[in-house]
C-alpha atoms as a PDB file:
ATOM      1  CA  MET A   1       7.706 -41.596   7.615  1.00  0.00           C
ATOM      2  CA  LEU A   2       8.141 -37.828   6.791  1.00  0.00           C
ATOM      3  CA  MET A   3      11.280 -38.055   4.744  1.00  0.00           C
ATOM      4  CA  PRO A   4      10.526 -39.067   1.033  1.00  0.00           C
ATOM      5  CA  LEU A   5      12.913 -41.228  -1.027  1.00  0.00           C
ATOM      6  CA  GLY A   6      14.399 -38.298  -2.818  1.00  0.00           C
ATOM      7  CA  GLY A   7      15.967 -36.871   0.353  1.00  0.00           C
ATOM      8  CA  LYS A   8      15.502 -33.636   2.218  1.00  0.00           C
ATOM      9  CA  GLY A   9      15.265 -31.401  -0.905  1.00  0.00           C
ATOM     10  CA  ASP A  10      12.043 -32.915  -2.123  1.00  0.00           C
ATOM     11  CA  PHE A  11      10.470 -32.527   1.396  1.00  0.00           C
ATOM     12  CA  LEU A  12      11.618 -28.917   1.915  1.00  0.00           C
ATOM     13  CA  GLY A  13      10.845 -27.768  -1.577  1.00  0.00           C
ATOM     14  CA  PRO A  14       7.071 -27.385  -1.229  1.00  0.00           C
ATOM     15  CA  LYS A  15       7.427 -25.963   2.253  1.00  0.00           C
ATOM     16  CA  LEU A  16       9.947 -23.315   0.912  1.00  0.00           C
ATOM     17  CA  TRP A  17       7.506 -22.557  -2.003  1.00  0.00           C
ATOM     18  CA  VAL A  18       4.610 -22.114   0.331  1.00  0.00           C
ATOM     19  CA  PHE A  19       6.669 -19.908   2.634  1.00  0.00           C
ATOM     20  CA  LYS A  20       7.724 -17.754  -0.319  1.00  0.00           C
ATOM     21  CA  GLN A  21       4.141 -17.443  -1.563  1.00  0.00           C
ATOM     22  CA  ARG A  22       3.024 -16.335   1.884  1.00  0.00           C
ATOM     23  CA  MET A  23       5.795 -13.757   2.063  1.00  0.00           C
ATOM     24  CA  LEU A  24       4.981 -12.410  -1.395  1.00  0.00           C
ATOM     25  CA  TRP A  25       1.253 -12.275  -0.464  1.00  0.00           C
ATOM     26  CA  ARG A  26       2.080 -10.382   2.719  1.00  0.00           C
ATOM     27  CA  LEU A  27       4.340  -7.953   0.939  1.00  0.00           C
ATOM     28  CA  ARG A  28       1.652  -7.446  -1.734  1.00  0.00           C
ATOM     29  CA  GLN A  29      -0.934  -6.735   1.030  1.00  0.00           C
ATOM     30  CA  LEU A  30       1.442  -4.250   2.715  1.00  0.00           C
ATOM     31  CA  HIS A  31       2.211  -2.590  -0.633  1.00  0.00           C
ATOM     32  CA  TYR A  32      -1.483  -2.407  -1.422  1.00  0.00           C
ATOM     33  CA  GLY A  33      -2.398  -0.982   2.013  1.00  0.00           C
ATOM     34  CA  ARG A  34       0.448   1.600   1.782  1.00  0.00           C
ATOM     35  CA  ALA A  35      -0.725   2.632  -1.796  1.00  0.00           C
ATOM     36  CA  VAL A  36      -4.305   3.090  -0.506  1.00  0.00           C
ATOM     37  CA  SER A  37      -3.285   5.087   2.526  1.00  0.00           C
ATOM     38  CA  LEU A  38      -0.991   7.236   0.334  1.00  0.00           C
ATOM     39  CA  LEU A  39      -3.877   7.800  -2.076  1.00  0.00           C
ATOM     40  CA  ARG A  40      -6.168   8.719   0.787  1.00  0.00           C
ATOM     41  CA  SER A  41      -3.708  11.190   2.369  1.00  0.00           C
ATOM     42  CA  GLY A  42      -3.052  12.631  -1.115  1.00  0.00           C
ATOM     43  CA  VAL A  43      -6.743  13.168  -1.706  1.00  0.00           C
ATOM     44  CA  THR A  44      -7.281  14.740   1.726  1.00  0.00           C
ATOM     45  CA  THR A  45      -4.329  17.041   1.366  1.00  0.00           C
ATOM     46  CA  TRP A  46      -5.428  17.967  -2.133  1.00  0.00           C
ATOM     47  CA  PHE A  47      -8.962  18.704  -0.771  1.00  0.00           C
ATOM     48  CA  ALA A  48      -7.510  20.756   2.130  1.00  0.00           C
ATOM     49  CA  LEU A  49      -5.277  22.687  -0.295  1.00  0.00           C
ATOM     50  CA  SER A  50      -8.009  23.361  -2.681  1.00  0.00           C
ATOM     51  CA  ARG A  51     -10.250  24.605   0.150  1.00  0.00           C
ATOM     52  CA  ILE A  52      -7.482  26.836   1.501  1.00  0.00           C
ATOM     53  CA  LEU A  53      -6.891  28.242  -2.090  1.00  0.00           C
ATOM     54  CA  TRP A  54     -10.623  28.700  -2.507  1.00  0.00           C
ATOM     55  CA  SER A  55     -10.981  30.679   0.733  1.00  0.00           C
ATOM     56  CA  LEU A  56      -7.824  32.695  -0.139  1.00  0.00           C
ATOM     57  CA  SER A  57      -9.281  33.574  -3.580  1.00  0.00           C
ATOM     58  CA  ILE A  58     -12.554  34.594  -2.018  1.00  0.00           C
ATOM     59  CA  VAL A  59     -10.629  36.844   0.500  1.00  0.00           C
ATOM     60  CA  PHE A  60      -8.590  38.316  -2.483  1.00  0.00           C
ATOM     61  CA  VAL A  61     -11.732  38.919  -4.462  1.00  0.00           C
ATOM     62  CA  ALA A  62     -13.420  40.532  -1.425  1.00  0.00           C
ATOM     63  CA  LEU A  63     -10.382  42.794  -0.904  1.00  0.00           C
ATOM     64  CA  VAL A  64     -10.100  43.891  -4.498  1.00  0.00           C
ATOM     65  CA  VAL A  65     -13.791  44.438  -5.069  1.00  0.00           C
END
């Protein structure tokens, strides 16, 4: 017999809690993944920008000197 004496609420309570925990975990995983990818893209763009600036400064110095 699946239905406990307390009624449907007692039976659905733990299931809802587990579902909520799973959803929260999934959201956290998504958020973490997005943060990591953002961090990676930020680092790569910063690296690319710094390289571009470095080459531009070298060109500028070469032109001036």
